[in-house]
Amino acid sequence: MEIQKAAAKDTSDWNRFIKEHYPPVGAFMQSWEWGAFQEALGRKVERYFVTDGRERLAAFALVYYPLPFNMSYGYAPRGPVIASNALEAGKSLEIFKAVKSWVLENFPRLVFFRLEPP
């Protein structure tokens, strides 16, 4: 599994993925527009897809909250959003493990990363 950063050109693909794979309640917190709102509040936001080859298995927006001593914590509000077919195939735990390993390897300044799956 790979974690790939979503670019601004992926906005419609991002929102389509969220809409297709998330229950209606709370889906807006993973929408591209919610991330833009968080950015307007001064927070750094990055969006990522979890892929297996060419297949998108999950998506999550990572919102950074600053802490003292140049540290921060990450938060994926109501995420990650896991694709229905990945849930049915029992890949949830594998996705969480991939995200955990990726965060530990790439973000040494995060004190913790809070996930909030539905």
PDB file of N, CA and C in Angstrom:
ATOM      1  N   MET A   1       0.840  -1.190   0.000  1.00  0.00           N
ATOM      2  CA  MET A   1       0.000   0.000   0.000  1.00  0.00           C
ATOM      3  C   MET A   1       0.874   1.237   0.000  1.00  0.00           C
ATOM      4  N   GLU A   2       0.371   2.246  -0.665  1.00  0.00           N
ATOM      5  CA  GLU A   2       1.063   3.526  -0.749  1.00  0.00           C
ATOM      6  C   GLU A   2       0.139   4.641  -0.273  1.00  0.00           C
ATOM      7  N   ILE A   3       0.755   5.687   0.259  1.00  0.00           N
ATOM      8  CA  ILE A   3       0.016   6.892   0.625  1.00  0.00           C
ATOM      9  C   ILE A   3       0.444   7.956  -0.376  1.00  0.00           C
ATOM     10  N   GLN A   4      -0.521   8.502  -1.118  1.00  0.00           N
ATOM     11  CA  GLN A   4      -0.226   9.490  -2.150  1.00  0.00           C
ATOM     12  C   GLN A   4      -0.943  10.798  -1.851  1.00  0.00           C
ATOM     13  N   LYS A   5      -0.193  11.877  -1.951  1.00  0.00           N
ATOM     14  CA  LYS A   5      -0.761  13.198  -1.687  1.00  0.00           C
ATOM     15  C   LYS A   5      -1.702  13.605  -2.819  1.00  0.00           C
ATOM     16  N   ALA A   6      -2.849  14.122  -2.459  1.00  0.00           N
ATOM     17  CA  ALA A   6      -3.815  14.625  -3.438  1.00  0.00           C
ATOM     18  C   ALA A   6      -3.466  16.079  -3.750  1.00  0.00           C
ATOM     19  N   ALA A   7      -3.564  16.441  -5.008  1.00  0.00           N
ATOM     20  CA  ALA A   7      -3.276  17.801  -5.449  1.00  0.00           C
ATOM     21  C   ALA A   7      -4.589  18.550  -5.692  1.00  0.00           C
ATOM     22  N   ALA A   8      -4.487  19.863  -5.834  1.00  0.00           N
ATOM     23  CA  ALA A   8      -5.671  20.688  -6.059  1.00  0.00           C
ATOM     24  C   ALA A   8      -6.445  20.237  -7.293  1.00  0.00           C
ATOM     25  N   LYS A   9      -5.766  19.686  -8.281  1.00  0.00           N
ATOM     26  CA  LYS A   9      -6.448  19.203  -9.482  1.00  0.00           C
ATOM     27  C   LYS A   9      -7.328  17.982  -9.190  1.00  0.00           C
ATOM     28  N   ASP A  10      -7.138  17.355  -8.024  1.00  0.00           N
ATOM     29  CA  ASP A  10      -7.902  16.170  -7.625  1.00  0.00           C
ATOM     30  C   ASP A  10      -9.176  16.504  -6.849  1.00  0.00           C
ATOM     31  N   THR A  11      -9.542  17.777  -6.770  1.00  0.00           N
ATOM     32  CA  THR A  11     -10.678  18.200  -5.950  1.00  0.00           C
ATOM     33  C   THR A  11     -11.956  17.416  -6.252  1.00  0.00           C
ATOM     34  N   SER A  12     -12.326  17.333  -7.517  1.00  0.00           N
ATOM     35  CA  SER A  12     -13.576  16.641  -7.849  1.00  0.00           C
ATOM     36  C   SER A  12     -13.458  15.146  -7.600  1.00  0.00           C
ATOM     37  N   ASP A  13     -12.301  14.540  -7.895  1.00  0.00           N
ATOM     38  CA  ASP A  13     -12.092  13.112  -7.600  1.00  0.00           C
ATOM     39  C   ASP A  13     -12.166  12.866  -6.102  1.00  0.00           C
ATOM     40  N   TRP A  14     -11.581  13.769  -5.335  1.00  0.00           N
ATOM     41  CA  TRP A  14     -11.593  13.649  -3.876  1.00  0.00           C
ATOM     42  C   TRP A  14     -13.033  13.650  -3.352  1.00  0.00           C
ATOM     43  N   ASN A  15     -13.778  14.679  -3.735  1.00  0.00           N
ATOM     44  CA  ASN A  15     -15.155  14.799  -3.248  1.00  0.00           C
ATOM     45  C   ASN A  15     -16.032  13.634  -3.719  1.00  0.00           C
ATOM     46  N   ARG A  16     -15.804  13.151  -4.924  1.00  0.00           N
ATOM     47  CA  ARG A  16     -16.560  12.007  -5.430  1.00  0.00           C
ATOM     48  C   ARG A  16     -16.264  10.764  -4.587  1.00  0.00           C
ATOM     49  N   PHE A  17     -14.991  10.534  -4.280  1.00  0.00           N
ATOM     50  CA  PHE A  17     -14.609   9.381  -3.451  1.00  0.00           C
ATOM     51  C   PHE A  17     -15.272   9.466  -2.079  1.00  0.00           C
ATOM     52  N   ILE A  18     -15.226  10.652  -1.461  1.00  0.00           N
ATOM     53  CA  ILE A  18     -15.820  10.840  -0.134  1.00  0.00           C
ATOM     54  C   ILE A  18     -17.331  10.585  -0.199  1.00  0.00           C
ATOM     55  N   LYS A  19     -17.979  11.149  -1.195  1.00  0.00           N
ATOM     56  CA  LYS A  19     -19.431  10.996  -1.319  1.00  0.00           C
ATOM     57  C   LYS A  19     -19.834   9.540  -1.534  1.00  0.00           C
ATOM     58  N   GLU A  20     -19.068   8.808  -2.329  1.00  0.00           N
ATOM     59  CA  GLU A  20     -19.399   7.416  -2.641  1.00  0.00           C
ATOM     60  C   GLU A  20     -19.177   6.471  -1.462  1.00  0.00           C
ATOM     61  N   HIS A  21     -18.231   6.798  -0.581  1.00  0.00           N
ATOM     62  CA  HIS A  21     -17.818   5.828   0.432  1.00  0.00           C
ATOM     63  C   HIS A  21     -18.043   6.256   1.875  1.00  0.00           C
ATOM     64  N   TYR A  22     -18.766   7.321   2.090  1.00  0.00           N
ATOM     65  CA  TYR A  22     -18.961   7.804   3.452  1.00  0.00           C
ATOM     66  C   TYR A  22     -20.441   7.951   3.737  1.00  0.00           C
ATOM     67  N   PRO A  23     -20.893   7.591   4.925  1.00  0.00           N
ATOM     68  CA  PRO A  23     -22.302   7.839   5.251  1.00  0.00           C
ATOM     69  C   PRO A  23     -22.570   9.349   5.253  1.00  0.00           C
ATOM     70  N   PRO A  24     -23.778   9.757   4.922  1.00  0.00           N
ATOM     71  CA  PRO A  24     -24.075  11.189   4.784  1.00  0.00           C
ATOM     72  C   PRO A  24     -23.738  12.033   6.016  1.00  0.00           C
ATOM     73  N   VAL A  25     -23.898  11.487   7.207  1.00  0.00           N
ATOM     74  CA  VAL A  25     -23.631  12.270   8.414  1.00  0.00           C
ATOM     75  C   VAL A  25     -22.119  12.391   8.610  1.00  0.00           C
ATOM     76  N   GLY A  26     -21.628  13.598   8.611  1.00  0.00           N
ATOM     77  CA  GLY A  26     -20.213  13.832   8.868  1.00  0.00           C
ATOM     78  C   GLY A  26     -19.336  13.826   7.640  1.00  0.00           C
ATOM     79  N   ALA A  27     -19.864  13.501   6.466  1.00  0.00           N
ATOM     80  CA  ALA A  27     -19.045  13.423   5.257  1.00  0.00           C
ATOM     81  C   ALA A  27     -18.400  14.767   4.927  1.00  0.00           C
ATOM     82  N   PHE A  28     -19.073  15.851   5.257  1.00  0.00           N
ATOM     83  CA  PHE A  28     -18.530  17.174   4.928  1.00  0.00           C
ATOM     84  C   PHE A  28     -17.181  17.425   5.585  1.00  0.00           C
ATOM     85  N   MET A  29     -16.890  16.751   6.707  1.00  0.00           N
ATOM     86  CA  MET A  29     -15.621  16.995   7.404  1.00  0.00           C
ATOM     87  C   MET A  29     -14.418  16.396   6.680  1.00  0.00           C
ATOM     88  N   GLN A  30     -14.666  15.593   5.657  1.00  0.00           N
ATOM     89  CA  GLN A  30     -13.584  15.107   4.819  1.00  0.00           C
ATOM     90  C   GLN A  30     -13.657  15.704   3.414  1.00  0.00           C
ATOM     91  N   SER A  31     -14.595  16.606   3.181  1.00  0.00           N
ATOM     92  CA  SER A  31     -14.711  17.226   1.859  1.00  0.00           C
ATOM     93  C   SER A  31     -13.540  18.183   1.629  1.00  0.00           C
ATOM     94  N   TRP A  32     -13.261  18.432   0.374  1.00  0.00           N
ATOM     95  CA  TRP A  32     -12.180  19.357   0.020  1.00  0.00           C
ATOM     96  C   TRP A  32     -12.476  20.739   0.590  1.00  0.00           C
ATOM     97  N   GLU A  33     -13.740  21.116   0.570  1.00  0.00           N
ATOM     98  CA  GLU A  33     -14.133  22.447   1.032  1.00  0.00           C
ATOM     99  C   GLU A  33     -13.944  22.620   2.540  1.00  0.00           C
ATOM    100  N   TRP A  34     -14.159  21.563   3.313  1.00  0.00           N
ATOM    101  CA  TRP A  34     -13.921  21.651   4.752  1.00  0.00           C
ATOM    102  C   TRP A  34     -12.435  21.885   5.018  1.00  0.00           C
ATOM    103  N   GLY A  35     -11.584  21.228   4.250  1.00  0.00           N
ATOM    104  CA  GLY A  35     -10.150  21.466   4.369  1.00  0.00           C
ATOM    105  C   GLY A  35      -9.795  22.900   4.021  1.00  0.00           C
ATOM    106  N   ALA A  36     -10.437  23.437   2.996  1.00  0.00           N
ATOM    107  CA  ALA A  36     -10.195  24.837   2.623  1.00  0.00           C
ATOM    108  C   ALA A  36     -10.644  25.774   3.741  1.00  0.00           C
ATOM    109  N   PHE A  37     -11.755  25.451   4.400  1.00  0.00           N
ATOM    110  CA  PHE A  37     -12.213  26.236   5.540  1.00  0.00           C
ATOM    111  C   PHE A  37     -11.184  26.189   6.666  1.00  0.00           C
ATOM    112  N   GLN A  38     -10.635  25.016   6.946  1.00  0.00           N
ATOM    113  CA  GLN A  38      -9.601  24.878   7.979  1.00  0.00           C
ATOM    114  C   GLN A  38      -8.361  25.704   7.613  1.00  0.00           C
ATOM    115  N   GLU A  39      -8.013  25.712   6.336  1.00  0.00           N
ATOM    116  CA  GLU A  39      -6.878  26.526   5.881  1.00  0.00           C
ATOM    117  C   GLU A  39      -7.167  28.014   6.075  1.00  0.00           C
ATOM    118  N   ALA A  40      -8.411  28.435   5.847  1.00  0.00           N
ATOM    119  CA  ALA A  40      -8.794  29.837   6.051  1.00  0.00           C
ATOM    120  C   ALA A  40      -8.666  30.230   7.520  1.00  0.00           C
ATOM    121  N   LEU A  41      -8.763  29.248   8.423  1.00  0.00           N
ATOM    122  CA  LEU A  41      -8.570  29.500   9.855  1.00  0.00           C
ATOM    123  C   LEU A  41      -7.095  29.505  10.242  1.00  0.00           C
ATOM    124  N   GLY A  42      -6.224  29.276   9.254  1.00  0.00           N
ATOM    125  CA  GLY A  42      -4.788  29.317   9.504  1.00  0.00           C
ATOM    126  C   GLY A  42      -4.150  27.964   9.759  1.00  0.00           C
ATOM    127  N   ARG A  43      -4.910  26.892   9.588  1.00  0.00           N
ATOM    128  CA  ARG A  43      -4.357  25.558   9.815  1.00  0.00           C
ATOM    129  C   ARG A  43      -3.795  24.991   8.513  1.00  0.00           C
ATOM    130  N   LYS A  44      -2.748  24.218   8.655  1.00  0.00           N
ATOM    131  CA  LYS A  44      -2.184  23.517   7.502  1.00  0.00           C
ATOM    132  C   LYS A  44      -2.994  22.240   7.280  1.00  0.00           C
ATOM    133  N   VAL A  45      -3.375  21.987   6.016  1.00  0.00           N
ATOM    134  CA  VAL A  45      -4.165  20.806   5.663  1.00  0.00           C
ATOM    135  C   VAL A  45      -3.511  20.123   4.463  1.00  0.00           C
ATOM    136  N   GLU A  46      -3.373  18.816   4.558  1.00  0.00           N
ATOM    137  CA  GLU A  46      -2.912  18.007   3.435  1.00  0.00           C
ATOM    138  C   GLU A  46      -3.888  16.847   3.263  1.00  0.00           C
ATOM    139  N   ARG A  47      -4.086  16.448   2.017  1.00  0.00           N
ATOM    140  CA  ARG A  47      -5.036  15.372   1.727  1.00  0.00           C
ATOM    141  C   ARG A  47      -4.293  14.211   1.078  1.00  0.00           C
ATOM    142  N   TYR A  48      -4.664  12.991   1.470  1.00  0.00           N
ATOM    143  CA  TYR A  48      -3.953  11.809   0.992  1.00  0.00           C
ATOM    144  C   TYR A  48      -4.917  10.702   0.603  1.00  0.00           C
ATOM    145  N   PHE A  49      -4.519   9.963  -0.433  1.00  0.00           N
ATOM    146  CA  PHE A  49      -5.195   8.730  -0.819  1.00  0.00           C
ATOM    147  C   PHE A  49      -4.332   7.559  -0.395  1.00  0.00           C
ATOM    148  N   VAL A  50      -4.949   6.503   0.092  1.00  0.00           N
ATOM    149  CA  VAL A  50      -4.269   5.234   0.347  1.00  0.00           C
ATOM    150  C   VAL A  50      -4.593   4.364  -0.856  1.00  0.00           C
ATOM    151  N   THR A  51      -3.552   3.901  -1.550  1.00  0.00           N
ATOM    152  CA  THR A  51      -3.765   3.134  -2.770  1.00  0.00           C
ATOM    153  C   THR A  51      -3.103   1.762  -2.682  1.00  0.00           C
ATOM    154  N   ASP A  52      -3.617   0.881  -3.498  1.00  0.00           N
ATOM    155  CA  ASP A  52      -3.036  -0.450  -3.674  1.00  0.00           C
ATOM    156  C   ASP A  52      -2.943  -0.639  -5.175  1.00  0.00           C
ATOM    157  N   GLY A  53      -1.777  -0.344  -5.713  1.00  0.00           N
ATOM    158  CA  GLY A  53      -1.658  -0.297  -7.168  1.00  0.00           C
ATOM    159  C   GLY A  53      -2.379   0.938  -7.660  1.00  0.00           C
ATOM    160  N   ARG A  54      -3.316   0.743  -8.560  1.00  0.00           N
ATOM    161  CA  ARG A  54      -4.082   1.870  -9.097  1.00  0.00           C
ATOM    162  C   ARG A  54      -5.406   2.075  -8.371  1.00  0.00           C
ATOM    163  N   GLU A  55      -5.728   1.186  -7.457  1.00  0.00           N
ATOM    164  CA  GLU A  55      -7.003   1.245  -6.749  1.00  0.00           C
ATOM    165  C   GLU A  55      -6.910   2.133  -5.506  1.00  0.00           C
ATOM    166  N   ARG A  56      -7.838   3.058  -5.378  1.00  0.00           N
ATOM    167  CA  ARG A  56      -7.911   3.903  -4.189  1.00  0.00           C
ATOM    168  C   ARG A  56      -8.710   3.173  -3.113  1.00  0.00           C
ATOM    169  N   LEU A  57      -8.059   2.928  -1.987  1.00  0.00           N
ATOM    170  CA  LEU A  57      -8.692   2.197  -0.891  1.00  0.00           C
ATOM    171  C   LEU A  57      -9.258   3.105   0.184  1.00  0.00           C
ATOM    172  N   ALA A  58      -8.634   4.264   0.375  1.00  0.00           N
ATOM    173  CA  ALA A  58      -9.063   5.172   1.444  1.00  0.00           C
ATOM    174  C   ALA A  58      -8.570   6.582   1.136  1.00  0.00           C
ATOM    175  N   ALA A  59      -9.128   7.534   1.855  1.00  0.00           N
ATOM    176  CA  ALA A  59      -8.718   8.932   1.738  1.00  0.00           C
ATOM    177  C   ALA A  59      -8.845   9.580   3.113  1.00  0.00           C
ATOM    178  N   PHE A  60      -7.929  10.496   3.390  1.00  0.00           N
ATOM    179  CA  PHE A  60      -8.034  11.252   4.634  1.00  0.00           C
ATOM    180  C   PHE A  60      -7.376  12.613   4.484  1.00  0.00           C
ATOM    181  N   ALA A  61      -7.991  13.598   5.117  1.00  0.00           N
ATOM    182  CA  ALA A  61      -7.404  14.934   5.200  1.00  0.00           C
ATOM    183  C   ALA A  61      -6.668  15.011   6.528  1.00  0.00           C
ATOM    184  N   LEU A  62      -5.455  15.473   6.479  1.00  0.00           N
ATOM    185  CA  LEU A  62      -4.620  15.613   7.674  1.00  0.00           C
ATOM    186  C   LEU A  62      -4.553  17.094   8.028  1.00  0.00           C
ATOM    187  N   VAL A  63      -5.149  17.452   9.151  1.00  0.00           N
ATOM    188  CA  VAL A  63      -5.160  18.832   9.637  1.00  0.00           C
ATOM    189  C   VAL A  63      -4.129  18.919  10.755  1.00  0.00           C
ATOM    190  N   TYR A  64      -3.230  19.882  10.641  1.00  0.00           N
ATOM    191  CA  TYR A  64      -2.172  20.061  11.638  1.00  0.00           C
ATOM    192  C   TYR A  64      -2.596  21.095  12.678  1.00  0.00           C
ATOM    193  N   TYR A  65      -2.394  20.769  13.937  1.00  0.00           N
ATOM    194  CA  TYR A  65      -2.659  21.691  15.040  1.00  0.00           C
ATOM    195  C   TYR A  65      -1.335  21.944  15.753  1.00  0.00           C
ATOM    196  N   PRO A  66      -0.901  23.206  15.808  1.00  0.00           N
ATOM    197  CA  PRO A  66       0.402  23.507  16.401  1.00  0.00           C
ATOM    198  C   PRO A  66       0.424  23.330  17.916  1.00  0.00           C
ATOM    199  N   LEU A  67       1.564  22.897  18.401  1.00  0.00           N
ATOM    200  CA  LEU A  67       1.833  22.738  19.828  1.00  0.00           C
ATOM    201  C   LEU A  67       3.124  23.473  20.154  1.00  0.00           C
ATOM    202  N   PRO A  68       3.418  23.686  21.426  1.00  0.00           N
ATOM    203  CA  PRO A  68       4.690  24.325  21.785  1.00  0.00           C
ATOM    204  C   PRO A  68       5.897  23.514  21.306  1.00  0.00           C
ATOM    205  N   PHE A  69       7.038  24.169  21.292  1.00  0.00           N
ATOM    206  CA  PHE A  69       8.323  23.561  20.944  1.00  0.00           C
ATOM    207  C   PHE A  69       8.358  23.058  19.506  1.00  0.00           C
ATOM    208  N   ASN A  70       7.686  23.763  18.610  1.00  0.00           N
ATOM    209  CA  ASN A  70       7.691  23.431  17.188  1.00  0.00           C
ATOM    210  C   ASN A  70       7.144  22.031  16.898  1.00  0.00           C
ATOM    211  N   MET A  71       6.272  21.577  17.748  1.00  0.00           N
ATOM    212  CA  MET A  71       5.624  20.282  17.551  1.00  0.00           C
ATOM    213  C   MET A  71       4.183  20.531  17.120  1.00  0.00           C
ATOM    214  N   SER A  72       3.510  19.488  16.718  1.00  0.00           N
ATOM    215  CA  SER A  72       2.099  19.601  16.361  1.00  0.00           C
ATOM    216  C   SER A  72       1.450  18.231  16.501  1.00  0.00           C
ATOM    217  N   TYR A  73       0.134  18.220  16.378  1.00  0.00           N
ATOM    218  CA  TYR A  73      -0.548  16.941  16.286  1.00  0.00           C
ATOM    219  C   TYR A  73      -1.396  16.961  15.027  1.00  0.00           C
ATOM    220  N   GLY A  74      -1.631  15.788  14.491  1.00  0.00           N
ATOM    221  CA  GLY A  74      -2.423  15.661  13.280  1.00  0.00           C
ATOM    222  C   GLY A  74      -3.794  15.101  13.594  1.00  0.00           C
ATOM    223  N   TYR A  75      -4.751  15.506  12.813  1.00  0.00           N
ATOM    224  CA  TYR A  75      -6.128  15.088  13.032  1.00  0.00           C
ATOM    225  C   TYR A  75      -6.783  14.827  11.680  1.00  0.00           C
ATOM    226  N   ALA A  76      -7.431  13.675  11.551  1.00  0.00           N
ATOM    227  CA  ALA A  76      -8.217  13.342  10.364  1.00  0.00           C
ATOM    228  C   ALA A  76      -9.684  13.339  10.787  1.00  0.00           C
ATOM    229  N   PRO A  77     -10.359  14.494  10.670  1.00  0.00           N
ATOM    230  CA  PRO A  77     -11.738  14.571  11.151  1.00  0.00           C
ATOM    231  C   PRO A  77     -12.658  13.615  10.388  1.00  0.00           C
ATOM    232  N   ARG A  78     -13.272  12.692  11.132  1.00  0.00           N
ATOM    233  CA  ARG A  78     -14.180  11.695  10.556  1.00  0.00           C
ATOM    234  C   ARG A  78     -13.498  10.883   9.456  1.00  0.00           C
ATOM    235  N   GLY A  79     -12.225  10.580   9.651  1.00  0.00           N
ATOM    236  CA  GLY A  79     -11.503   9.823   8.635  1.00  0.00           C
ATOM    237  C   GLY A  79     -10.533   8.842   9.256  1.00  0.00           C
ATOM    238  N   PRO A  80      -9.974   7.975   8.486  1.00  0.00           N
ATOM    239  CA  PRO A  80     -10.040   7.954   7.027  1.00  0.00           C
ATOM    240  C   PRO A  80     -11.355   7.396   6.512  1.00  0.00           C
ATOM    241  N   VAL A  81     -11.671   7.798   5.308  1.00  0.00           N
ATOM    242  CA  VAL A  81     -12.827   7.272   4.604  1.00  0.00           C
ATOM    243  C   VAL A  81     -12.331   6.059   3.818  1.00  0.00           C
ATOM    244  N   ILE A  82     -12.857   4.902   4.125  1.00  0.00           N
ATOM    245  CA  ILE A  82     -12.410   3.665   3.490  1.00  0.00           C
ATOM    246  C   ILE A  82     -13.425   3.237   2.440  1.00  0.00           C
ATOM    247  N   ALA A  83     -12.915   2.879   1.260  1.00  0.00           N
ATOM    248  CA  ALA A  83     -13.774   2.463   0.153  1.00  0.00           C
ATOM    249  C   ALA A  83     -14.598   1.245   0.550  1.00  0.00           C
ATOM    250  N   SER A  84     -15.815   1.203   0.062  1.00  0.00           N
ATOM    251  CA  SER A  84     -16.732   0.108   0.379  1.00  0.00           C
ATOM    252  C   SER A  84     -16.136  -1.250   0.032  1.00  0.00           C
ATOM    253  N   ASN A  85     -15.508  -1.353  -1.145  1.00  0.00           N
ATOM    254  CA  ASN A  85     -14.934  -2.635  -1.547  1.00  0.00           C
ATOM    255  C   ASN A  85     -13.761  -3.036  -0.654  1.00  0.00           C
ATOM    256  N   ALA A  86     -13.017  -2.079  -0.121  1.00  0.00           N
ATOM    257  CA  ALA A  86     -11.919  -2.389   0.803  1.00  0.00           C
ATOM    258  C   ALA A  86     -12.480  -2.866   2.143  1.00  0.00           C
ATOM    259  N   LEU A  87     -13.580  -2.262   2.581  1.00  0.00           N
ATOM    260  CA  LEU A  87     -14.236  -2.718   3.818  1.00  0.00           C
ATOM    261  C   LEU A  87     -14.731  -4.153   3.668  1.00  0.00           C
ATOM    262  N   GLU A  88     -15.378  -4.419   2.537  1.00  0.00           N
ATOM    263  CA  GLU A  88     -15.904  -5.753   2.277  1.00  0.00           C
ATOM    264  C   GLU A  88     -14.799  -6.801   2.184  1.00  0.00           C
ATOM    265  N   ALA A  89     -13.636  -6.388   1.686  1.00  0.00           N
ATOM    266  CA  ALA A  89     -12.502  -7.312   1.545  1.00  0.00           C
ATOM    267  C   ALA A  89     -11.724  -7.456   2.852  1.00  0.00           C
ATOM    268  N   GLY A  90     -12.144  -6.749   3.892  1.00  0.00           N
ATOM    269  CA  GLY A  90     -11.479  -6.855   5.187  1.00  0.00           C
ATOM    270  C   GLY A  90     -10.116  -6.192   5.239  1.00  0.00           C
ATOM    271  N   LYS A  91      -9.937  -5.097   4.495  1.00  0.00           N
ATOM    272  CA  LYS A  91      -8.638  -4.423   4.425  1.00  0.00           C
ATOM    273  C   LYS A  91      -8.485  -3.270   5.408  1.00  0.00           C
ATOM    274  N   SER A  92      -9.469  -3.048   6.270  1.00  0.00           N
ATOM    275  CA  SER A  92      -9.422  -1.899   7.183  1.00  0.00           C
ATOM    276  C   SER A  92      -8.174  -1.903   8.053  1.00  0.00           C
ATOM    277  N   LEU A  93      -7.902  -3.009   8.706  1.00  0.00           N
ATOM    278  CA  LEU A  93      -6.743  -3.086   9.600  1.00  0.00           C
ATOM    279  C   LEU A  93      -5.449  -2.856   8.833  1.00  0.00           C
ATOM    280  N   GLU A  94      -5.357  -3.408   7.641  1.00  0.00           N
ATOM    281  CA  GLU A  94      -4.173  -3.228   6.799  1.00  0.00           C
ATOM    282  C   GLU A  94      -3.992  -1.747   6.435  1.00  0.00           C
ATOM    283  N   ILE A  95      -5.094  -1.066   6.156  1.00  0.00           N
ATOM    284  CA  ILE A  95      -5.046   0.367   5.833  1.00  0.00           C
ATOM    285  C   ILE A  95      -4.569   1.155   7.044  1.00  0.00           C
ATOM    286  N   PHE A  96      -5.126   0.879   8.222  1.00  0.00           N
ATOM    287  CA  PHE A  96      -4.703   1.589   9.433  1.00  0.00           C
ATOM    288  C   PHE A  96      -3.226   1.360   9.732  1.00  0.00           C
ATOM    289  N   LYS A  97      -2.752   0.138   9.553  1.00  0.00           N
ATOM    290  CA  LYS A  97      -1.337  -0.158   9.777  1.00  0.00           C
ATOM    291  C   LYS A  97      -0.456   0.590   8.786  1.00  0.00           C
ATOM    292  N   ALA A  98      -0.879   0.668   7.525  1.00  0.00           N
ATOM    293  CA  ALA A  98      -0.108   1.397   6.512  1.00  0.00           C
ATOM    294  C   ALA A  98      -0.034   2.877   6.850  1.00  0.00           C
ATOM    295  N   VAL A  99      -1.160   3.456   7.289  1.00  0.00           N
ATOM    296  CA  VAL A  99      -1.175   4.874   7.658  1.00  0.00           C
ATOM    297  C   VAL A  99      -0.279   5.106   8.874  1.00  0.00           C
ATOM    298  N   LYS A 100      -0.368   4.246   9.864  1.00  0.00           N
ATOM    299  CA  LYS A 100       0.461   4.382  11.064  1.00  0.00           C
ATOM    300  C   LYS A 100       1.945   4.348  10.716  1.00  0.00           C
ATOM    301  N   SER A 101       2.360   3.375   9.933  1.00  0.00           N
ATOM    302  CA  SER A 101       3.774   3.267   9.543  1.00  0.00           C
ATOM    303  C   SER A 101       4.225   4.488   8.764  1.00  0.00           C
ATOM    304  N   TRP A 102       3.379   4.951   7.855  1.00  0.00           N
ATOM    305  CA  TRP A 102       3.698   6.113   7.027  1.00  0.00           C
ATOM    306  C   TRP A 102       3.859   7.372   7.884  1.00  0.00           C
ATOM    307  N   VAL A 103       2.952   7.570   8.839  1.00  0.00           N
ATOM    308  CA  VAL A 103       3.033   8.740   9.716  1.00  0.00           C
ATOM    309  C   VAL A 103       4.307   8.687  10.557  1.00  0.00           C
ATOM    310  N   LEU A 104       4.589   7.542  11.155  1.00  0.00           N
ATOM    311  CA  LEU A 104       5.790   7.414  11.988  1.00  0.00           C
ATOM    312  C   LEU A 104       7.063   7.661  11.193  1.00  0.00           C
ATOM    313  N   GLU A 105       7.067   7.257   9.956  1.00  0.00           N
ATOM    314  CA  GLU A 105       8.251   7.413   9.106  1.00  0.00           C
ATOM    315  C   GLU A 105       8.423   8.833   8.578  1.00  0.00           C
ATOM    316  N   ASN A 106       7.322   9.515   8.306  1.00  0.00           N
ATOM    317  CA  ASN A 106       7.390  10.795   7.595  1.00  0.00           C
ATOM    318  C   ASN A 106       7.117  12.049   8.423  1.00  0.00           C
ATOM    319  N   PHE A 107       6.615  11.898   9.632  1.00  0.00           N
ATOM    320  CA  PHE A 107       6.229  13.069  10.410  1.00  0.00           C
ATOM    321  C   PHE A 107       6.793  13.010  11.831  1.00  0.00           C
ATOM    322  N   PRO A 108       8.084  13.190  11.995  1.00  0.00           N
ATOM    323  CA  PRO A 108       8.684  13.084  13.337  1.00  0.00           C
ATOM    324  C   PRO A 108       8.258  14.208  14.286  1.00  0.00           C
ATOM    325  N   ARG A 109       7.697  15.296  13.780  1.00  0.00           N
ATOM    326  CA  ARG A 109       7.301  16.422  14.629  1.00  0.00           C
ATOM    327  C   ARG A 109       5.847  16.307  15.106  1.00  0.00           C
ATOM    328  N   LEU A 110       5.158  15.236  14.713  1.00  0.00           N
ATOM    329  CA  LEU A 110       3.800  15.017  15.209  1.00  0.00           C
ATOM    330  C   LEU A 110       3.875  14.272  16.536  1.00  0.00           C
ATOM    331  N   VAL A 111       3.249  14.833  17.547  1.00  0.00           N
ATOM    332  CA  VAL A 111       3.194  14.184  18.848  1.00  0.00           C
ATOM    333  C   VAL A 111       2.254  12.990  18.769  1.00  0.00           C
ATOM    334  N   PHE A 112       1.124  13.161  18.064  1.00  0.00           N
ATOM    335  CA  PHE A 112       0.225  12.054  17.786  1.00  0.00           C
ATOM    336  C   PHE A 112      -0.611  12.386  16.560  1.00  0.00           C
ATOM    337  N   PHE A 113      -1.246  11.374  16.025  1.00  0.00           N
ATOM    338  CA  PHE A 113      -2.119  11.521  14.870  1.00  0.00           C
ATOM    339  C   PHE A 113      -3.458  10.894  15.238  1.00  0.00           C
ATOM    340  N   ARG A 114      -4.469  11.732  15.324  1.00  0.00           N
ATOM    341  CA  ARG A 114      -5.803  11.285  15.755  1.00  0.00           C
ATOM    342  C   ARG A 114      -6.657  10.934  14.537  1.00  0.00           C
ATOM    343  N   LEU A 115      -7.049   9.680  14.477  1.00  0.00           N
ATOM    344  CA  LEU A 115      -7.973   9.228  13.446  1.00  0.00           C
ATOM    345  C   LEU A 115      -9.363   9.160  14.055  1.00  0.00           C
ATOM    346  N   GLU A 116     -10.378   9.342  13.219  1.00  0.00           N
ATOM    347  CA  GLU A 116     -11.739   9.348  13.717  1.00  0.00           C
ATOM    348  C   GLU A 116     -12.654   8.690  12.682  1.00  0.00           C
ATOM    349  N   PRO A 117     -12.430   7.389  12.420  1.00  0.00           N
ATOM    350  CA  PRO A 117     -13.254   6.740  11.405  1.00  0.00           C
ATOM    351  C   PRO A 117     -14.720   6.665  11.834  1.00  0.00           C
ATOM    352  N   PRO A 118     -15.606   6.611  10.835  1.00  0.00           N
ATOM    353  CA  PRO A 118     -17.033   6.560  11.173  1.00  0.00           C
ATOM    354  C   PRO A 118     -17.401   5.281  11.910  1.00  0.00           C
TER     355      PRO A 118
END
